[in-house]
Amino acid sequence: MATVKPFRGLRPPKNLVERVESRPYDVLDSEEARAEAGDNEMSLYHIIKPEIDFPVGTSEYDPRVYEKAAENFAKFQQKGWLVQDDKEQYYIYAQEMNGKTQYGLVVGAYVNDYMTGVIKKHELTRRDKEEDRMKHVRVNNANIEPVFFAYPDNEVLNELIMRYAATEPEYDFIAPIDGFGHKFWCVADEKDIETITREFAKMPSLYIADGHHRSAAAALVGAEKAKLNPNHRGDEEYNYFMAVCFQASQLTILDYNRVVKDLNGLTSEEFIAALQKNFVVVDKGEEIYKPAQMHEFSLYLDSHWYSLTAKEGTYDNTDPIGVLDVDISSRLILDEILQIGDLRSSKRIDFVGGLRGLGELKRRVDSGEMRAALALYPVSMKQIMDIADSGKIMPPKATWFEPKLRSGLVIHKLS
C-alpha cells in the first residue's frame, strides 16, 4: 500500500510566484532557458538550468554548473524569493488546458515504495540521465522539481479537493507561452491531512506518469542517504521525495508522433507497397488526416496523407504491449520496413509531441528536413496502468502528457 506524508514546502511568496516559476528543466534547451529567463534574476532556471549563468556553449554537465545550482538555491532562500512553510502540509495543484482542469495532490512519496514496486514505472531509464538528476538532488539537498504520478480514482480525495477548489487559491496565474492556467492551495488542516494520508494508504499502487528519470534519481539519492547515515531511523525527510499525484481519469495523454529522414532506400511507391502487407492503406489526399481510433495511423508522404489500418493478426489484444499502436508501428514499419531498430539511439528518426499538432509533421516533411511522418492514436491511462501492473515496459517515446507541471511552485528539502 502507498505511503505518503505532508512536508514543509519551500515556496515563493504569493507576489513573486510568477517571477520564480518556470517550465520543467527537460522540455527546453539551454538557449531557450537563457532567453526565457532574460534579465529576471528570480527565474528558477538559474537553479534548474544554471548553465545559463555561464558563457554560451558551457555544458549543462560541467561540475561548475551543479555548484552554481546550489549557490543560486541558497541565494533564493537568503533573499526571500523562496520561503519555507512553518508546518508540514499537503498542497493541491490545478492545471487548466483547453477548458479542462485536472487536480493534483502534492505529497512526499516514500522512497521505499519506489524501491519495492509500489510506485510503478512503465518506461526504461538511462543511467546517464539518472546520474545527472542525482547530482542535482545531492548538491541542492532538495527535490527542486516534482515528479508526476497518477492514482486510481478516489471519491473521498476528489470531494476534499473540490472543497478546496471552491476557495481562494494561494497562487493563480496563466503561464506564458502555452497560456495554460495554474492554481495552488495549501492543505494545513490536520483532519484533511489525515484523510489524504489514510486514503493513499488504501491504494495498492501509484503510477509514474511523467518524470521517470527524476523519480529514479530522487529515490536513489534517498536510499543513498539512508545507507550513509549510521543513525538512520526511517522517518528522516530524505526518505521521501516530492510528487504531484493526479486521478488517472483526469489526465490528458496526447499522441507522440514520428518523423523519419529516409525510406531505407525505397521509393515512395515501394514503401507504400511494403506497407500493404500488414496495413490497409487509403490515400486521404492533401488535407491533414488524424487517426480516429486505435490501430489506425496517419502517414504523410509526398504532400499526401494516408490512413494505415493494421490488419487482423498483426497485433495481440491479450498482450498489454503487443496491443499498443506504438509497438505495432515500431515492429511493422520502423523496424521491418525502414530498419530503424533502436528508437533511443537512431539518428534517422525524431519524435514530435502531439501538442504541436499534425501541422508540425507536415512542416518538417515539406521543408525537406524529413522524408515522411507517422501520426499515432494516443495511448490511454488504463493501458499505461495495465502495463505497469504487468511489470512490462512500454516502447520508447510512447506517451506525451500535457499540460506539463510548472516548476518552482513548491520545493521539498531533504533535511
Protein backbone atom coordinates (compact mmCIF):
# COMPACT_ATOMS: atom_id res chain seq x y z
CA MET A 1 0.00 0.00 0.00
CA ALA A 2 1.19 3.53 -0.77
CA THR A 3 2.82 5.67 1.90
CA VAL A 4 2.78 9.47 1.60
CA LYS A 5 3.42 12.29 4.04
CA PRO A 6 2.97 16.06 4.21
CA PHE A 7 6.08 18.24 4.17
CA ARG A 8 7.20 21.80 4.87
CA GLY A 9 7.29 23.19 1.37
CA LEU A 10 9.73 25.86 0.26
CA ARG A 11 7.71 28.28 -1.87
CA PRO A 12 7.78 31.74 -3.46
CA PRO A 13 5.79 34.49 -1.74
CA LYS A 14 2.46 34.99 -3.48
CA ASN A 15 3.57 38.24 -5.14
CA LEU A 16 6.72 36.63 -6.60
CA VAL A 17 5.43 33.28 -7.87
CA GLU A 18 5.15 34.37 -11.50
CA ARG A 19 8.73 35.65 -11.46
CA VAL A 20 10.08 32.41 -9.92
CA GLU A 21 8.06 29.64 -11.63
CA SER A 22 9.27 28.05 -14.86
CA ARG A 23 8.82 25.20 -17.28
CA PRO A 24 10.48 21.86 -16.29
CA TYR A 25 14.20 21.52 -16.96
CA ASP A 26 13.79 18.80 -19.60
CA VAL A 27 11.33 20.45 -22.00
CA LEU A 28 13.66 23.17 -23.27
CA ASP A 29 17.33 23.54 -24.12
CA SER A 30 19.90 25.84 -22.55
CA GLU A 31 19.44 28.68 -25.01
CA GLU A 32 15.65 28.61 -24.69
CA ALA A 33 16.06 28.79 -20.90
CA ARG A 34 18.52 31.66 -21.27
CA ALA A 35 16.03 33.55 -23.43
CA GLU A 36 13.06 32.86 -21.14
CA ALA A 37 14.97 33.90 -18.02
CA GLY A 38 16.18 37.10 -19.68
CA ASP A 39 17.15 39.61 -17.00
CA ASN A 40 14.90 38.01 -14.37
CA GLU A 41 17.27 37.01 -11.58
CA MET A 42 14.40 35.29 -9.74
CA SER A 43 13.73 32.79 -12.53
CA LEU A 44 14.00 29.18 -11.36
CA TYR A 45 16.05 28.49 -14.49
CA HIS A 46 19.02 29.83 -12.51
CA ILE A 47 18.64 26.72 -10.31
CA ILE A 48 17.35 24.05 -12.72
CA LYS A 49 19.26 25.25 -15.82
CA PRO A 50 22.19 27.08 -14.18
CA GLU A 51 24.37 26.78 -17.29
CA ILE A 52 22.57 29.99 -18.36
CA ASP A 53 24.80 31.82 -15.86
CA PHE A 54 27.88 30.76 -17.85
CA PRO A 55 29.05 31.65 -21.35
CA VAL A 56 27.04 30.22 -24.24
CA GLY A 57 28.22 26.69 -25.01
CA THR A 58 29.01 25.72 -21.41
CA SER A 59 27.93 22.12 -20.87
CA GLU A 60 25.00 21.59 -18.54
CA TYR A 61 27.03 18.69 -17.09
CA ASP A 62 30.05 20.84 -16.18
CA PRO A 63 30.80 20.41 -12.43
CA ARG A 64 30.71 24.19 -12.04
CA VAL A 65 27.13 24.19 -13.26
CA TYR A 66 25.95 21.91 -10.45
CA GLU A 67 27.83 24.08 -7.93
CA LYS A 68 26.13 27.15 -9.36
CA ALA A 69 22.73 25.50 -8.88
CA ALA A 70 23.44 25.12 -5.15
CA GLU A 71 24.79 28.66 -4.92
CA ASN A 72 21.68 30.06 -6.59
CA PHE A 73 19.37 27.89 -4.47
CA ALA A 74 20.95 29.31 -1.31
CA LYS A 75 20.68 32.84 -2.75
CA PHE A 76 16.95 32.42 -3.46
CA GLN A 77 16.38 31.48 0.17
CA GLN A 78 18.59 34.23 1.58
CA LYS A 79 16.79 36.88 -0.46
CA GLY A 80 13.33 35.59 0.49
CA TRP A 81 12.40 34.53 -3.03
CA LEU A 82 11.77 31.05 -1.56
CA VAL A 83 10.38 30.75 1.97
CA GLN A 84 9.74 27.53 3.91
CA ASP A 85 6.30 26.89 5.37
CA ASP A 86 6.06 26.71 9.15
CA LYS A 87 4.32 23.34 9.30
CA GLU A 88 4.04 20.13 7.33
CA GLN A 89 1.15 20.16 4.92
CA TYR A 90 -0.08 18.82 1.62
CA TYR A 91 -0.77 21.01 -1.39
CA ILE A 92 -3.29 20.96 -4.22
CA TYR A 93 -2.15 21.93 -7.71
CA ALA A 94 -4.68 22.51 -10.51
CA GLN A 95 -3.87 22.86 -14.20
CA GLU A 96 -6.31 24.07 -16.85
CA MET A 97 -5.81 23.34 -20.56
CA ASN A 98 -8.40 23.92 -23.28
CA GLY A 99 -11.21 24.30 -20.76
CA LYS A 100 -10.35 21.09 -18.87
CA THR A 101 -8.97 21.16 -15.31
CA GLN A 102 -7.01 18.41 -13.57
CA TYR A 103 -6.26 18.49 -9.84
CA GLY A 104 -3.14 17.03 -8.26
CA LEU A 105 -2.14 16.43 -4.66
CA VAL A 106 1.46 17.39 -3.88
CA VAL A 107 2.84 14.82 -1.45
CA GLY A 108 6.02 13.36 -0.07
CA ALA A 109 6.21 9.96 -1.81
CA TYR A 110 8.02 7.15 0.01
CA VAL A 111 11.44 6.12 -1.33
CA ASN A 112 10.90 2.51 -0.26
CA ASP A 113 7.66 2.38 -2.28
CA TYR A 114 9.74 3.12 -5.38
CA MET A 115 12.32 0.50 -4.48
CA THR A 116 9.72 -2.22 -3.80
CA GLY A 117 7.50 -1.51 -6.82
CA VAL A 118 4.51 0.05 -5.05
CA ILE A 119 5.33 3.06 -7.20
CA LYS A 120 5.14 1.52 -10.67
CA LYS A 121 7.00 2.62 -13.79
CA HIS A 122 6.29 1.96 -17.46
CA GLU A 123 9.47 3.29 -19.09
CA LEU A 124 13.14 2.39 -19.02
CA THR A 125 15.55 4.97 -17.65
CA ARG A 126 19.06 5.77 -18.81
CA ARG A 127 21.80 5.72 -16.20
CA ASP A 128 23.48 8.89 -17.52
CA LYS A 129 20.24 10.85 -17.17
CA GLU A 130 19.63 9.39 -13.71
CA GLU A 131 23.11 10.41 -12.61
CA ASP A 132 22.62 13.97 -13.87
CA ARG A 133 19.46 14.38 -11.77
CA MET A 134 21.07 12.62 -8.81
CA LYS A 135 23.88 15.18 -8.85
CA HIS A 136 21.30 17.96 -8.90
CA VAL A 137 19.39 16.50 -5.94
CA ARG A 138 22.61 15.86 -3.98
CA VAL A 139 24.11 19.30 -4.48
CA ASN A 140 20.88 21.08 -3.50
CA ASN A 141 19.82 18.54 -0.86
CA ALA A 142 16.31 19.05 -2.21
CA ASN A 143 13.80 17.94 -4.83
CA ILE A 144 13.61 21.21 -6.73
CA GLU A 145 11.11 19.86 -9.27
CA PRO A 146 8.23 17.42 -8.70
CA VAL A 147 7.53 14.16 -10.45
CA PHE A 148 4.15 13.39 -11.99
CA PHE A 149 2.13 10.43 -10.62
CA ALA A 150 -1.32 9.01 -11.30
CA TYR A 151 -3.53 7.19 -8.80
CA PRO A 152 -6.77 5.22 -9.17
CA ASP A 153 -9.81 7.48 -8.88
CA ASN A 154 -10.83 8.08 -5.28
CA GLU A 155 -14.12 9.74 -4.38
CA VAL A 156 -13.04 10.78 -0.86
CA LEU A 157 -9.97 12.60 -2.19
CA ASN A 158 -11.97 14.10 -5.04
CA GLU A 159 -14.53 15.58 -2.61
CA LEU A 160 -11.74 17.01 -0.44
CA ILE A 161 -10.02 18.55 -3.47
CA MET A 162 -13.25 20.06 -4.80
CA ARG A 163 -13.90 21.65 -1.40
CA TYR A 164 -10.56 23.46 -1.60
CA ALA A 165 -11.07 24.28 -5.28
CA ALA A 166 -14.12 26.32 -4.29
CA THR A 167 -11.92 28.61 -2.14
CA GLU A 168 -9.43 31.36 -3.00
CA PRO A 169 -6.17 29.79 -4.21
CA GLU A 170 -2.73 30.67 -2.89
CA TYR A 171 -1.45 31.05 -6.45
CA ASP A 172 -3.47 31.72 -9.59
CA PHE A 173 -1.76 32.59 -12.87
CA ILE A 174 -1.65 31.96 -16.60
CA ALA A 175 1.70 30.60 -17.77
CA PRO A 176 3.46 32.40 -20.60
CA ILE A 177 4.00 30.71 -23.98
CA ASP A 178 1.32 27.99 -23.69
CA GLY A 179 -1.36 30.04 -21.93
CA PHE A 180 -2.39 27.24 -19.56
CA GLY A 181 -3.84 28.10 -16.15
CA HIS A 182 -2.28 27.09 -12.83
CA LYS A 183 -3.76 27.29 -9.31
CA PHE A 184 -2.35 26.17 -5.97
CA TRP A 185 -3.79 25.65 -2.47
CA CYS A 186 -2.22 24.71 0.88
CA VAL A 187 -3.83 21.88 2.89
CA ALA A 188 -2.89 22.67 6.50
CA ASP A 189 -5.99 21.36 8.30
CA GLU A 190 -5.00 18.33 10.41
CA LYS A 191 -8.18 16.41 9.67
CA ASP A 192 -7.70 16.86 5.92
CA ILE A 193 -4.05 15.87 6.20
CA GLU A 194 -5.08 12.67 7.99
CA THR A 195 -7.69 11.94 5.32
CA ILE A 196 -5.17 12.28 2.49
CA THR A 197 -2.62 10.08 4.24
CA ARG A 198 -5.25 7.45 5.03
CA GLU A 199 -6.75 7.32 1.54
CA PHE A 200 -3.33 6.88 -0.10
CA ALA A 201 -2.60 4.09 2.39
CA LYS A 202 -5.52 2.16 0.87
CA MET A 203 -4.00 2.28 -2.64
CA PRO A 204 -2.01 -0.79 -3.72
CA SER A 205 -0.05 1.24 -6.28
CA LEU A 206 0.88 4.67 -7.58
CA TYR A 207 1.91 5.11 -11.21
CA ILE A 208 4.64 7.29 -12.66
CA ALA A 209 3.02 9.22 -15.49
CA ASP A 210 5.90 11.54 -16.36
CA GLY A 211 9.35 12.05 -14.87
CA HIS A 212 10.86 8.55 -14.75
CA HIS A 213 14.42 9.88 -14.51
CA ARG A 214 13.53 12.36 -11.77
CA SER A 215 11.70 9.63 -9.85
CA ALA A 216 14.66 7.26 -10.09
CA ALA A 217 17.15 9.97 -9.13
CA ALA A 218 15.11 11.18 -6.15
CA ALA A 219 14.57 7.66 -4.83
CA LEU A 220 18.19 6.60 -5.35
CA VAL A 221 19.53 9.67 -3.53
CA GLY A 222 17.13 8.99 -0.65
CA ALA A 223 18.31 5.38 -0.44
CA GLU A 224 21.92 6.54 -0.67
CA LYS A 225 21.44 8.94 2.24
CA ALA A 226 19.86 6.20 4.35
CA LYS A 227 22.81 3.91 3.69
CA LEU A 228 25.36 6.60 4.59
CA ASN A 229 23.62 7.59 7.83
CA PRO A 230 24.79 5.35 10.72
CA ASN A 231 21.88 6.65 12.82
CA HIS A 232 19.23 6.13 10.15
CA ARG A 233 15.75 5.77 11.70
CA GLY A 234 13.48 5.69 8.67
CA ASP A 235 11.48 8.85 9.35
CA GLU A 236 14.05 11.33 8.00
CA GLU A 237 12.91 13.73 5.30
CA TYR A 238 15.25 12.14 2.74
CA ASN A 239 13.07 9.01 2.88
CA TYR A 240 10.51 10.94 0.81
CA PHE A 241 10.52 12.79 -2.50
CA MET A 242 8.09 15.28 -3.99
CA ALA A 243 5.36 14.08 -6.33
CA VAL A 244 2.18 15.61 -7.74
CA CYS A 245 -0.47 12.87 -7.85
CA PHE A 246 -3.48 13.14 -10.19
CA GLN A 247 -6.57 10.97 -10.51
CA ALA A 248 -5.97 8.77 -13.53
CA SER A 249 -9.26 9.64 -15.25
CA GLN A 250 -8.41 13.36 -15.29
CA LEU A 251 -5.14 13.07 -17.18
CA THR A 252 -4.70 14.01 -20.82
CA ILE A 253 -2.30 11.93 -22.91
CA LEU A 254 -1.55 13.27 -26.36
CA ASP A 255 -0.23 11.46 -29.40
CA TYR A 256 3.55 11.13 -29.69
CA ASN A 257 4.40 11.08 -33.37
CA ARG A 258 7.37 10.12 -35.54
CA VAL A 259 9.24 11.75 -38.42
CA VAL A 260 11.87 9.84 -40.42
CA LYS A 261 14.76 11.12 -42.50
CA ASP A 262 14.67 8.45 -45.24
CA LEU A 263 12.77 5.43 -46.56
CA ASN A 264 15.69 2.99 -46.25
CA GLY A 265 16.48 3.22 -49.97
CA LEU A 266 12.88 2.61 -51.09
CA THR A 267 10.95 4.79 -53.49
CA SER A 268 7.62 6.16 -52.26
CA GLU A 269 5.78 3.57 -54.36
CA GLU A 270 7.89 0.70 -52.98
CA PHE A 271 7.32 1.97 -49.41
CA ILE A 272 3.54 2.09 -49.88
CA ALA A 273 3.62 -1.40 -51.41
CA ALA A 274 5.60 -2.73 -48.43
CA LEU A 275 3.07 -1.21 -46.03
CA GLN A 276 0.19 -3.06 -47.72
CA LYS A 277 1.48 -6.38 -46.37
CA ASN A 278 0.30 -5.51 -42.84
CA PHE A 279 -1.93 -2.45 -43.30
CA VAL A 280 -4.96 -1.38 -45.28
CA VAL A 281 -3.64 1.77 -46.98
CA VAL A 282 -6.04 4.52 -48.12
CA ASP A 283 -4.94 7.77 -49.78
CA LYS A 284 -6.73 10.59 -47.94
CA GLY A 285 -5.49 13.43 -50.13
CA GLU A 286 -3.77 16.67 -49.17
CA GLU A 287 -5.89 17.63 -46.13
CA ILE A 288 -4.37 16.77 -42.75
CA TYR A 289 -5.73 13.42 -41.58
CA LYS A 290 -5.72 12.41 -37.90
CA PRO A 291 -6.07 8.78 -36.71
CA ALA A 292 -9.59 8.24 -35.38
CA GLN A 293 -9.10 5.06 -33.34
CA MET A 294 -6.63 2.50 -32.07
CA HIS A 295 -4.68 0.56 -34.73
CA GLU A 296 -5.14 3.33 -37.29
CA PHE A 297 -2.17 5.50 -38.26
CA SER A 298 -1.68 8.56 -40.44
CA LEU A 299 1.22 8.68 -42.87
CA TYR A 300 2.36 11.91 -44.53
CA LEU A 301 4.42 11.36 -47.66
CA ASP A 302 4.92 13.39 -50.84
CA SER A 303 2.31 16.01 -49.84
CA HIS A 304 -0.36 13.31 -49.29
CA TRP A 305 -1.90 11.88 -46.13
CA TYR A 306 -2.65 8.18 -45.92
CA SER A 307 -4.72 6.14 -43.47
CA LEU A 308 -2.96 2.92 -42.38
CA THR A 309 -5.17 0.41 -40.59
CA ALA A 310 -3.39 -2.59 -39.08
CA LYS A 311 -4.75 -5.88 -40.36
CA GLU A 312 -6.16 -8.56 -38.05
CA GLY A 313 -3.40 -10.82 -36.78
CA THR A 314 -0.71 -8.14 -36.76
CA TYR A 315 -1.24 -7.40 -33.06
CA ASP A 316 -2.19 -9.29 -29.91
CA ASN A 317 -5.15 -7.90 -27.97
CA THR A 318 -4.27 -10.10 -24.97
CA ASP A 319 -0.77 -8.63 -24.62
CA PRO A 320 -0.62 -5.18 -22.90
CA ILE A 321 2.43 -4.32 -25.03
CA GLY A 322 1.51 -6.11 -28.27
CA VAL A 323 -1.81 -4.27 -28.50
CA LEU A 324 -0.16 -0.83 -28.41
CA ASP A 325 -0.04 1.20 -31.60
CA VAL A 326 3.48 2.33 -30.71
CA ASP A 327 4.53 -1.34 -30.71
CA ILE A 328 2.71 -2.14 -33.97
CA SER A 329 4.29 0.81 -35.78
CA SER A 330 7.73 0.10 -34.32
CA ARG A 331 7.65 -3.58 -35.35
CA LEU A 332 5.93 -3.43 -38.72
CA ILE A 333 7.02 -0.07 -40.11
CA LEU A 334 10.09 1.33 -38.41
CA ASP A 335 11.89 -1.98 -37.88
CA GLU A 336 10.63 -4.35 -40.58
CA ILE A 337 10.50 -1.87 -43.48
CA LEU A 338 12.73 1.07 -42.55
CA GLN A 339 15.20 -0.96 -40.43
CA ILE A 340 15.17 1.58 -37.59
CA GLY A 341 15.55 -0.82 -34.70
CA ASP A 342 16.73 1.27 -31.73
CA LEU A 343 14.46 4.28 -31.35
CA ARG A 344 16.57 5.62 -28.48
CA SER A 345 19.78 5.98 -30.46
CA SER A 346 18.92 6.14 -34.18
CA LYS A 347 19.70 9.46 -35.88
CA ARG A 348 17.23 8.65 -38.67
CA ILE A 349 14.14 9.34 -36.57
CA ASP A 350 12.77 12.14 -34.42
CA PHE A 351 9.69 12.50 -32.24
CA VAL A 352 7.06 15.24 -32.09
CA GLY A 353 4.72 15.71 -29.13
CA GLY A 354 1.05 15.98 -30.00
CA LEU A 355 0.65 19.49 -28.60
CA ARG A 356 2.45 20.77 -31.72
CA GLY A 357 -0.26 19.27 -33.92
CA LEU A 358 -0.05 17.34 -37.16
CA GLY A 359 0.78 20.58 -38.94
CA GLU A 360 4.25 20.33 -37.41
CA LEU A 361 4.71 16.90 -39.01
CA LYS A 362 3.68 18.34 -42.39
CA ARG A 363 6.04 21.30 -41.96
CA ARG A 364 9.07 19.15 -41.20
CA VAL A 365 8.44 16.89 -44.19
CA ASP A 366 7.60 19.72 -46.58
CA SER A 367 10.79 21.57 -45.57
CA GLY A 368 12.88 18.63 -46.80
CA GLU A 369 14.29 18.02 -43.32
CA MET A 370 12.33 14.76 -43.09
CA ARG A 371 11.11 12.29 -45.74
CA ALA A 372 7.89 11.09 -44.09
CA ALA A 373 5.83 11.40 -40.91
CA LEU A 374 3.73 8.92 -38.94
CA ALA A 375 0.96 10.00 -36.56
CA LEU A 376 -0.31 7.64 -33.85
CA TYR A 377 -3.52 7.40 -31.85
CA PRO A 378 -2.65 8.24 -28.21
CA VAL A 379 -2.36 5.55 -25.56
CA SER A 380 -4.79 5.60 -22.64
CA MET A 381 -4.01 5.87 -18.94
CA LYS A 382 -5.60 2.44 -18.50
CA GLN A 383 -3.11 0.96 -20.96
CA ILE A 384 -0.23 2.56 -19.06
CA MET A 385 -1.52 1.22 -15.74
CA ASP A 386 -2.08 -2.27 -17.20
CA ILE A 387 1.49 -2.34 -18.49
CA ALA A 388 2.90 -1.11 -15.19
CA ASP A 389 0.83 -3.69 -13.29
CA SER A 390 2.12 -6.46 -15.56
CA GLY A 391 5.71 -5.44 -14.84
CA LYS A 392 6.37 -4.73 -18.51
CA ILE A 393 7.95 -1.66 -20.07
CA MET A 394 6.45 0.47 -22.84
CA PRO A 395 8.35 1.05 -26.07
CA PRO A 396 10.31 4.34 -26.16
CA LYS A 397 8.58 7.64 -26.87
CA ALA A 398 5.08 6.29 -26.29
CA THR A 399 3.43 8.93 -24.09
CA TRP A 400 3.17 12.70 -24.09
CA PHE A 401 1.36 14.26 -21.14
CA GLU A 402 0.02 17.81 -21.23
CA PRO A 403 -0.01 20.19 -19.54
CA LYS A 404 3.46 19.84 -18.04
CA LEU A 405 3.92 20.62 -14.36
CA ARG A 406 5.30 24.08 -13.70
CA SER A 407 8.41 24.09 -11.54
CA GLY A 408 9.03 26.42 -8.60
CA LEU A 409 5.57 26.41 -7.02
CA VAL A 410 6.88 24.28 -4.17
CA ILE A 411 10.20 22.58 -3.35
CA HIS A 412 10.93 19.70 -0.97
CA LYS A 413 14.06 19.95 1.18
CA LEU A 414 15.64 16.65 2.22
CA SER A 415 16.60 17.85 5.70
